[in-house]
Amino acid sequence: MGDLLIETYGVEKHDLTKYGTRKGISATTLLESIVMLYERTSEKKYLEFAEEIVAMSENNPSLRLMGTMLEGGSVVHPGEGKAYQLMANLLGYLQLYRYTGNEKYLKTVTLAWEDIHKNHLIVTGGPWSRKMPYNGNVECFAHSDAFHPEKIVVEGCCDATWIQLNTHLFEFTGDAKYFNEAEVTLINSVYGHQYSDGIEWCYYTKPNASKPPFNSNFHCCGSSEPRGVEIYSSHLAGEINKNLSINTLFPSTIKLTNQFGGGNIKIEGGFPLKSSAKIYLETVHDKKFTLEFRIPANIKIASVLVNGENTKSKTNERGFVELKRKWKKGDVIAVDFDYILKAHLQVGEEGKKWVAFTYGPVALAQKIREMPDDEPFMSIGSKEPSEFLKMLSKTPDSENEFTIKGTDISLIPYYQTGTKQTGPKTYFRF
């Protein structure tokens, strides 16, 4: 198949970007697969063809993903900003950087990441899109002035591809910020797309919707979202700079190599709904090494105990807590942490303003049966997030339920709001 593609679209053949939808960006998603073919065969013709795909992309004024990013442009423009395809192309650029060392490919990805992260994510970690006159498709990135929580959508394929993109950036850098983003998307947007039976998935979700459209029919998003879960679960632990790097606080059991004493580590606790976790070392051999664990998004470590005693630790520049000692079977690391409550302000359509709340890595939402009128219910003079936080009080018998003072509104984890009869209200007008 790779050879047929080269024969059809190679040098002085057909222009790949003239085929497929959205100015050719759908067709150029081939890029990652072609580089993977080079990875498996070491045949240089595939790597050369991948770079030819980039050249075709750059010669198309309506596409130019690399050029647009390097010039400080927006992801809204290339290929009409088709969100899933654009991020899938970025995966190809990352693979090209891996095998060519060309810094332009990596810079293209990091600049696009910064734009998506700043302008095109909702508090659930889902990349949002909306059909506008300048893009022509509901699955295309739109400018921030198009934001409206009842009119935007998050496509399931975008969740999975955003997780994949962040996971690969984490592989390159070891920087916790990338995997934190993948985890936020998993905890909120991915689980929000999934029905409680584990089978039905939404093609699209909206941050404000009375009933998520769960669907048992096979569709691309119902295929992609489980792939996002699998990508996360294949990165629970590993080795970074000769450290045993634990990349999750989710309850899990992870097999260790002999380098780290063999056996397993077992994590127990209630992350991300409870504020403590314990890491049990069930090793075979005693070994001296540095163990590090990632600090999830929007939490602050309160204490770290080893076998019940305070121990010396440091947080490295990558966002991991390091513990260095001789580890033996039966050692227990107890981690207590505090979730940080945040208010997120969003200006969108017609200058309207909304606020949403997160608690640690968890997005909060109201569980609703019908969509109320889009009328402001918060009247507040200051635009400071701290003023909004004063309006929230924690429900005494819950670690992650809040009430908005002066209302009957309860906020719970976003992913718990979606049923066949109810949905989330995540953003509130003010």
Protein backbone atom coordinates (compact mmCIF):
# COMPACT_ATOMS: atom_id res chain seq x y z
CA MET A 1 0.00 0.00 0.00
CA GLY A 2 2.88 2.35 0.84
CA ASP A 3 4.44 1.70 -2.54
CA LEU A 4 1.12 2.33 -4.31
CA LEU A 5 0.79 5.66 -2.50
CA ILE A 6 4.29 6.67 -3.59
CA GLU A 7 3.51 5.59 -7.15
CA THR A 8 0.33 7.69 -7.11
CA TYR A 9 1.30 10.74 -5.08
CA GLY A 10 5.10 10.83 -5.13
CA VAL A 11 7.37 13.41 -6.76
CA GLU A 12 5.81 14.87 -9.95
CA LYS A 13 2.72 12.69 -9.43
CA HIS A 14 -0.73 13.73 -8.19
CA ASP A 15 -0.95 16.38 -5.45
CA LEU A 16 -2.26 14.52 -2.39
CA THR A 17 -3.81 17.71 -0.96
CA LYS A 18 -6.19 17.94 -3.94
CA TYR A 19 -7.93 14.79 -2.74
CA GLY A 20 -10.15 14.32 0.26
CA THR A 21 -11.93 16.94 2.34
CA ARG A 22 -11.05 20.19 4.14
CA LYS A 23 -8.42 21.48 1.70
CA GLY A 24 -6.47 18.22 1.79
CA ILE A 25 -5.84 17.96 5.54
CA SER A 26 -7.86 14.74 5.68
CA ALA A 27 -5.61 13.12 3.08
CA THR A 28 -2.37 14.24 4.73
CA THR A 29 -3.26 12.33 7.90
CA LEU A 30 -1.34 9.60 6.03
CA LEU A 31 1.81 11.28 7.30
CA GLU A 32 2.10 9.44 10.64
CA SER A 33 1.43 6.03 9.07
CA ILE A 34 4.07 6.56 6.38
CA VAL A 35 6.68 7.45 9.01
CA MET A 36 5.63 4.37 11.01
CA LEU A 37 6.19 2.32 7.86
CA TYR A 38 9.71 3.75 7.67
CA GLU A 39 10.19 2.91 11.36
CA ARG A 40 9.34 -0.75 10.71
CA THR A 41 11.20 -1.22 7.42
CA SER A 42 14.13 1.26 7.58
CA GLU A 43 13.44 1.89 3.87
CA LYS A 44 14.42 5.50 3.22
CA LYS A 45 11.88 5.94 0.42
CA TYR A 46 9.08 6.05 3.00
CA LEU A 47 10.76 8.76 5.04
CA GLU A 48 11.37 10.73 1.84
CA PHE A 49 7.70 10.33 0.86
CA ALA A 50 6.64 11.60 4.28
CA GLU A 51 8.67 14.76 3.75
CA GLU A 52 7.14 15.08 0.28
CA ILE A 53 3.70 15.05 1.93
CA VAL A 54 4.84 17.97 4.09
CA ALA A 55 6.09 19.80 0.99
CA MET A 56 2.72 19.28 -0.75
CA SER A 57 0.97 20.57 2.35
CA GLU A 58 3.16 23.68 2.45
CA ASN A 59 2.54 24.36 -1.26
CA ASN A 60 -1.22 24.46 -0.64
CA PRO A 61 -2.11 27.99 0.58
CA SER A 62 -5.27 26.65 2.24
CA LEU A 63 -3.32 24.09 4.23
CA ARG A 64 0.26 25.11 5.17
CA LEU A 65 0.09 23.64 8.67
CA MET A 66 3.82 23.98 9.40
CA GLY A 67 4.16 27.44 7.86
CA THR A 68 1.09 28.77 9.64
CA MET A 69 2.31 27.56 13.03
CA LEU A 70 5.89 28.78 12.57
CA GLU A 71 4.54 32.21 11.57
CA GLY A 72 2.50 32.44 14.78
CA GLY A 73 -0.84 31.69 13.14
CA SER A 74 -3.90 29.92 14.48
CA VAL A 75 -4.99 26.30 14.13
CA VAL A 76 -8.30 27.70 12.83
CA HIS A 77 -6.81 28.28 9.37
CA PRO A 78 -4.95 25.18 8.09
CA GLY A 79 -7.37 22.79 6.38
CA GLU A 80 -10.25 24.91 7.71
CA GLY A 81 -9.07 23.95 11.18
CA LYS A 82 -10.51 20.43 10.98
CA ALA A 83 -9.68 19.51 14.54
CA TYR A 84 -9.17 15.73 14.52
CA GLN A 85 -7.30 15.74 11.20
CA LEU A 86 -5.11 18.67 12.18
CA MET A 87 -4.01 16.95 15.39
CA ALA A 88 -3.50 13.69 13.48
CA ASN A 89 -1.16 15.58 11.15
CA LEU A 90 0.72 16.89 14.19
CA LEU A 91 1.32 13.28 15.23
CA GLY A 92 3.02 12.81 11.88
CA TYR A 93 5.22 15.86 12.42
CA LEU A 94 6.28 14.46 15.79
CA GLN A 95 7.25 11.17 14.18
CA LEU A 96 9.19 13.05 11.50
CA TYR A 97 11.09 14.91 14.21
CA ARG A 98 11.87 11.59 15.87
CA TYR A 99 13.61 10.26 12.74
CA THR A 100 15.03 13.41 11.14
CA GLY A 101 15.93 15.61 14.12
CA ASN A 102 14.55 18.60 12.19
CA GLU A 103 13.58 21.09 14.91
CA LYS A 104 10.99 22.73 12.64
CA TYR A 105 8.78 19.67 12.94
CA LEU A 106 8.88 19.76 16.75
CA LYS A 107 8.35 23.53 16.82
CA THR A 108 5.29 23.13 14.60
CA VAL A 109 3.79 20.71 17.12
CA THR A 110 4.61 22.71 20.25
CA LEU A 111 3.25 25.95 18.78
CA ALA A 112 0.04 24.22 17.73
CA TRP A 113 -0.20 22.62 21.18
CA GLU A 114 0.08 26.02 22.84
CA ASP A 115 -2.67 27.46 20.62
CA ILE A 116 -5.03 24.53 21.24
CA HIS A 117 -4.30 24.54 24.96
CA LYS A 118 -4.90 28.28 25.31
CA ASN A 119 -7.80 28.86 22.93
CA HIS A 120 -9.56 25.61 22.05
CA LEU A 121 -9.99 23.49 25.20
CA ILE A 122 -12.90 23.52 27.60
CA VAL A 123 -12.46 22.75 31.30
CA THR A 124 -13.15 19.05 30.66
CA GLY A 125 -9.98 18.86 28.57
CA GLY A 126 -12.04 18.34 25.42
CA PRO A 127 -10.92 20.21 22.27
CA TRP A 128 -14.02 22.11 21.13
CA SER A 129 -15.21 22.96 17.65
CA ARG A 130 -18.13 24.71 15.96
CA LYS A 131 -19.35 25.31 12.43
CA MET A 132 -18.77 28.90 11.40
CA PRO A 133 -18.85 30.72 8.02
CA TYR A 134 -15.05 30.59 7.82
CA ASN A 135 -14.65 26.83 8.39
CA GLY A 136 -17.76 25.09 7.09
CA ASN A 137 -17.84 22.04 9.39
CA VAL A 138 -18.99 21.38 12.95
CA GLU A 139 -15.75 19.48 13.62
CA CYS A 140 -13.48 22.46 12.85
CA PHE A 141 -11.67 24.64 15.36
CA ALA A 142 -13.29 28.07 15.71
CA HIS A 143 -12.05 31.34 17.17
CA SER A 144 -12.77 31.98 20.85
CA ASP A 145 -15.48 34.54 20.03
CA ALA A 146 -17.54 31.60 18.71
CA PHE A 147 -17.65 29.96 22.14
CA HIS A 148 -21.10 29.13 23.45
CA PRO A 149 -21.52 26.11 25.76
CA GLU A 150 -24.76 25.00 24.07
CA LYS A 151 -23.50 25.40 20.49
CA ILE A 152 -19.95 24.04 20.54
CA VAL A 153 -19.17 20.31 20.44
CA VAL A 154 -16.36 18.01 21.47
CA GLU A 155 -15.85 15.20 18.98
CA GLY A 156 -14.78 11.90 20.56
CA CYS A 157 -11.98 11.41 18.03
CA CYS A 158 -10.51 14.75 19.16
CA ASP A 159 -10.33 13.54 22.76
CA ALA A 160 -8.35 10.47 21.76
CA THR A 161 -6.02 12.35 19.43
CA TRP A 162 -5.36 15.08 22.01
CA ILE A 163 -4.47 12.35 24.52
CA GLN A 164 -2.20 10.73 21.94
CA LEU A 165 -0.50 14.02 21.08
CA ASN A 166 0.14 14.84 24.75
CA THR A 167 1.40 11.32 25.42
CA HIS A 168 3.96 11.55 22.62
CA LEU A 169 5.10 14.99 23.80
CA PHE A 170 5.49 13.46 27.25
CA GLU A 171 7.60 10.66 25.75
CA PHE A 172 9.91 13.25 24.20
CA THR A 173 10.21 15.54 27.22
CA GLY A 174 9.21 13.66 30.39
CA ASP A 175 7.35 16.87 31.33
CA ALA A 176 4.36 16.21 33.58
CA LYS A 177 2.36 19.07 32.04
CA TYR A 178 1.73 17.04 28.90
CA PHE A 179 0.54 13.91 30.65
CA ASN A 180 -1.50 16.04 33.05
CA GLU A 181 -3.44 17.29 30.03
CA ALA A 182 -3.99 13.74 28.81
CA GLU A 183 -5.23 12.75 32.26
CA VAL A 184 -7.64 15.69 32.56
CA THR A 185 -9.14 14.78 29.18
CA LEU A 186 -9.49 11.14 30.24
CA ILE A 187 -11.07 11.86 33.63
CA ASN A 188 -13.60 14.31 32.26
CA SER A 189 -14.24 14.39 28.53
CA VAL A 190 -13.55 10.74 27.68
CA TYR A 191 -15.58 9.39 30.61
CA GLY A 192 -18.26 11.97 29.79
CA HIS A 193 -18.55 10.48 26.29
CA GLN A 194 -18.95 6.96 27.69
CA TYR A 195 -22.22 5.55 29.00
CA SER A 196 -22.12 3.68 32.30
CA ASP A 197 -22.53 0.30 30.57
CA GLY A 198 -19.09 0.82 28.99
CA ILE A 199 -20.51 0.07 25.54
CA GLU A 200 -22.36 3.15 24.32
CA TRP A 201 -20.43 6.28 23.38
CA CYS A 202 -21.35 9.78 22.30
CA TYR A 203 -20.08 10.95 18.94
CA TYR A 204 -20.31 14.53 20.22
CA THR A 205 -20.79 16.03 23.66
CA LYS A 206 -21.53 19.60 24.71
CA PRO A 207 -20.49 21.16 28.02
CA ASN A 208 -24.10 22.28 28.53
CA ALA A 209 -26.65 19.70 27.38
CA SER A 210 -29.75 18.17 28.95
CA LYS A 211 -29.08 14.69 27.60
CA PRO A 212 -25.82 13.36 26.07
CA PRO A 213 -26.45 11.47 22.79
CA PHE A 214 -25.19 8.02 23.85
CA ASN A 215 -25.22 5.67 20.88
CA SER A 216 -24.81 1.90 20.65
CA ASN A 217 -24.11 2.00 16.89
CA PHE A 218 -20.49 1.59 15.83
CA HIS A 219 -18.91 4.91 14.87
CA CYS A 220 -15.44 6.41 14.68
CA CYS A 221 -15.64 8.16 18.06
CA GLY A 222 -16.82 4.99 19.77
CA SER A 223 -13.68 3.39 18.35
CA SER A 224 -11.28 6.24 19.12
CA GLU A 225 -12.25 6.94 22.73
CA PRO A 226 -11.31 3.44 24.00
CA ARG A 227 -8.01 3.89 22.16
CA GLY A 228 -7.44 7.03 24.25
CA VAL A 229 -8.05 4.99 27.41
CA GLU A 230 -5.59 2.35 26.22
CA ILE A 231 -2.92 4.96 25.40
CA TYR A 232 -3.20 6.29 28.96
CA SER A 233 -3.07 2.84 30.53
CA SER A 234 0.08 1.91 28.61
CA HIS A 235 1.96 4.78 30.28
CA LEU A 236 1.26 4.11 33.96
CA ALA A 237 4.95 3.72 34.81
CA GLY A 238 8.33 3.56 33.14
CA GLU A 239 11.92 4.72 33.34
CA ILE A 240 13.04 8.34 33.01
CA ASN A 241 16.71 9.24 33.56
CA LYS A 242 17.22 5.87 35.31
CA ASN A 243 14.41 6.71 37.76
CA LEU A 244 11.41 4.48 38.35
CA SER A 245 8.82 6.94 37.11
CA ILE A 246 5.26 6.33 38.37
CA ASN A 247 2.90 8.23 36.12
CA THR A 248 -0.46 7.72 37.81
CA LEU A 249 -2.16 7.78 41.20
CA PHE A 250 -5.14 5.77 39.93
CA PRO A 251 -5.62 2.44 41.72
CA SER A 252 -3.52 0.00 39.68
CA THR A 253 -1.03 -2.83 39.74
CA ILE A 254 2.12 -2.43 37.64
CA LYS A 255 4.80 -5.00 36.92
CA LEU A 256 8.41 -3.97 37.60
CA THR A 257 11.56 -4.93 35.74
CA ASN A 258 14.50 -6.46 37.62
CA GLN A 259 16.24 -3.09 37.37
CA PHE A 260 13.78 -1.88 40.00
CA GLY A 261 13.62 -5.05 42.07
CA GLY A 262 11.14 -7.07 40.03
CA GLY A 263 7.69 -7.95 41.31
CA ASN A 264 5.02 -5.25 41.31
CA ILE A 265 3.99 -1.93 42.66
CA LYS A 266 0.40 -1.60 43.78
CA ILE A 267 -1.40 1.74 44.06
CA GLU A 268 -4.47 2.07 46.26
CA GLY A 269 -6.67 5.06 47.02
CA GLY A 270 -9.50 7.05 45.54
CA PHE A 271 -7.79 9.34 43.03
CA PRO A 272 -9.24 11.48 41.46
CA LEU A 273 -12.17 11.61 43.90
CA LYS A 274 -10.30 11.23 47.19
CA SER A 275 -7.22 13.09 48.37
CA SER A 276 -4.83 10.30 49.27
CA ALA A 277 -3.02 7.37 47.68
CA LYS A 278 -0.67 4.64 48.84
CA ILE A 279 2.05 3.02 46.75
CA TYR A 280 3.01 -0.48 47.91
CA LEU A 281 6.30 -2.00 46.75
CA GLU A 282 5.86 -5.74 46.27
CA THR A 283 9.38 -6.28 44.97
CA VAL A 284 11.49 -9.44 44.80
CA HIS A 285 14.92 -7.87 45.37
CA ASP A 286 16.11 -4.91 47.44
CA LYS A 287 17.38 -2.15 45.16
CA LYS A 288 18.67 1.38 45.57
CA PHE A 289 17.21 3.80 43.05
CA THR A 290 15.22 7.02 42.75
CA LEU A 291 11.46 6.56 42.63
CA GLU A 292 9.47 9.48 41.28
CA PHE A 293 5.73 10.04 40.94
CA ARG A 294 3.88 12.63 38.87
CA ILE A 295 1.92 15.42 40.53
CA PRO A 296 -1.48 15.54 38.74
CA ALA A 297 -2.97 18.80 37.48
CA ASN A 298 -4.18 21.34 40.04
CA ILE A 299 -3.19 19.50 43.20
CA LYS A 300 -0.73 20.39 45.94
CA ILE A 301 1.17 17.71 47.82
CA ALA A 302 0.42 17.93 51.56
CA SER A 303 2.68 15.15 52.82
CA VAL A 304 4.75 12.18 51.66
CA LEU A 305 5.46 9.40 54.16
CA VAL A 306 7.58 6.30 53.65
CA ASN A 307 6.66 3.51 56.07
CA GLY A 308 4.81 6.06 58.20
CA GLU A 309 7.72 8.49 58.54
CA ASN A 310 8.37 11.84 56.92
CA THR A 311 11.05 11.49 54.29
CA LYS A 312 13.22 13.81 52.28
CA SER A 313 11.83 14.46 48.81
CA LYS A 314 12.09 17.06 46.08
CA THR A 315 9.98 18.04 43.12
CA ASN A 316 12.04 18.04 39.95
CA GLU A 317 11.73 20.41 37.00
CA ARG A 318 9.51 17.92 35.16
CA GLY A 319 6.81 17.97 37.85
CA PHE A 320 7.62 14.67 39.60
CA VAL A 321 8.29 14.12 43.32
CA GLU A 322 11.59 12.24 43.77
CA LEU A 323 12.39 9.79 46.59
CA LYS A 324 15.86 8.22 46.69
CA ARG A 325 16.64 5.29 48.96
CA LYS A 326 17.20 1.53 49.06
CA TRP A 327 13.78 0.06 48.42
CA LYS A 328 12.68 -3.28 49.79
CA LYS A 329 9.62 -5.47 49.73
CA GLY A 330 6.87 -4.10 51.99
CA ASP A 331 7.82 -0.43 51.70
CA VAL A 332 4.77 1.86 51.56
CA ILE A 333 4.63 5.41 50.26
CA ALA A 334 1.62 7.36 51.58
CA VAL A 335 0.76 10.51 49.64
CA ASP A 336 -1.76 13.08 50.88
CA PHE A 337 -2.67 15.98 48.65
CA ASP A 338 -5.03 18.92 48.39
CA TYR A 339 -7.19 19.59 45.36
CA ILE A 340 -7.11 23.21 44.20
CA LEU A 341 -10.51 24.78 43.45
CA LYS A 342 -10.39 27.04 40.39
CA ALA A 343 -12.80 29.27 38.50
CA HIS A 344 -12.32 29.57 34.74
CA LEU A 345 -13.67 32.62 32.95
CA GLN A 346 -14.66 32.44 29.28
CA VAL A 347 -15.75 35.22 26.94
CA GLY A 348 -17.49 34.07 23.78
CA GLU A 349 -20.32 34.73 21.38
CA GLU A 350 -21.56 38.33 21.32
CA GLY A 351 -19.26 39.16 24.21
CA LYS A 352 -21.22 36.94 26.61
CA LYS A 353 -19.34 35.69 29.65
CA TRP A 354 -19.36 32.34 31.41
CA VAL A 355 -17.66 30.78 34.40
CA ALA A 356 -16.84 27.10 35.03
CA PHE A 357 -15.20 25.35 37.97
CA THR A 358 -12.61 22.62 38.45
CA TYR A 359 -11.47 20.84 41.59
CA GLY A 360 -8.03 19.37 41.08
CA PRO A 361 -8.11 17.60 37.71
CA VAL A 362 -11.89 17.15 37.89
CA ALA A 363 -14.31 19.44 36.04
CA LEU A 364 -17.46 20.26 38.00
CA ALA A 365 -20.96 20.51 36.55
CA GLN A 366 -24.60 20.66 37.52
CA LYS A 367 -26.72 17.58 36.78
CA ILE A 368 -29.76 18.82 34.84
CA ARG A 369 -32.84 17.29 33.24
CA GLU A 370 -33.65 20.20 30.96
CA MET A 371 -31.68 23.17 29.72
CA PRO A 372 -32.65 26.32 31.66
CA ASP A 373 -33.00 29.66 29.92
CA ASP A 374 -29.64 31.17 29.01
CA GLU A 375 -29.98 34.01 31.47
CA PRO A 376 -27.24 35.30 33.77
CA PHE A 377 -27.69 34.03 37.31
CA MET A 378 -24.46 35.44 38.73
CA SER A 379 -24.29 39.17 39.19
CA ILE A 380 -20.77 40.07 40.15
CA GLY A 381 -18.81 43.24 39.76
CA SER A 382 -15.29 41.89 39.83
CA LYS A 383 -13.87 39.71 37.09
CA GLU A 384 -11.41 38.09 39.47
CA PRO A 385 -11.78 34.30 39.73
CA SER A 386 -11.38 34.54 43.51
CA GLU A 387 -14.70 36.35 43.72
CA PHE A 388 -16.48 33.43 42.08
CA LEU A 389 -14.78 30.93 44.38
CA LYS A 390 -16.30 32.70 47.38
CA MET A 391 -19.70 31.66 46.04
CA LEU A 392 -18.92 27.95 46.39
CA SER A 393 -19.12 25.87 49.54
CA LYS A 394 -18.21 22.20 49.88
CA THR A 395 -20.97 19.75 50.74
CA PRO A 396 -20.04 18.38 54.19
CA ASP A 397 -20.44 14.67 53.37
CA SER A 398 -18.59 14.73 50.04
CA GLU A 399 -15.01 15.41 48.98
CA ASN A 400 -15.97 16.72 45.56
CA GLU A 401 -19.49 18.16 45.69
CA PHE A 402 -20.08 21.88 46.01
CA THR A 403 -23.11 24.13 46.25
CA ILE A 404 -23.36 27.64 44.82
CA LYS A 405 -24.42 29.91 47.66
CA GLY A 406 -27.81 31.49 47.30
CA THR A 407 -28.98 28.85 44.80
CA ASP A 408 -30.13 25.26 44.81
CA ILE A 409 -27.34 24.32 42.39
CA SER A 410 -25.01 21.45 43.28
CA LEU A 411 -21.80 20.85 41.37
CA ILE A 412 -20.47 17.31 41.03
CA PRO A 413 -17.81 15.70 38.79
CA TYR A 414 -18.73 16.39 35.16
CA TYR A 415 -18.56 12.77 34.05
CA GLN A 416 -21.16 11.74 36.65
CA THR A 417 -23.83 14.02 35.21
CA GLY A 418 -24.50 12.16 31.96
CA THR A 419 -27.27 9.53 31.91
CA LYS A 420 -30.10 8.68 29.54
CA GLN A 421 -32.23 11.26 31.38
CA THR A 422 -29.74 13.91 32.55
CA GLY A 423 -26.79 15.91 31.32
CA PRO A 424 -24.22 18.52 32.40
CA LYS A 425 -24.38 22.25 32.84
CA THR A 426 -20.69 23.12 33.09
CA TYR A 427 -20.62 26.82 32.18
CA PHE A 428 -22.74 29.48 33.91
CA ARG A 429 -23.56 32.94 32.55
CA PHE A 430 -22.66 36.01 34.55
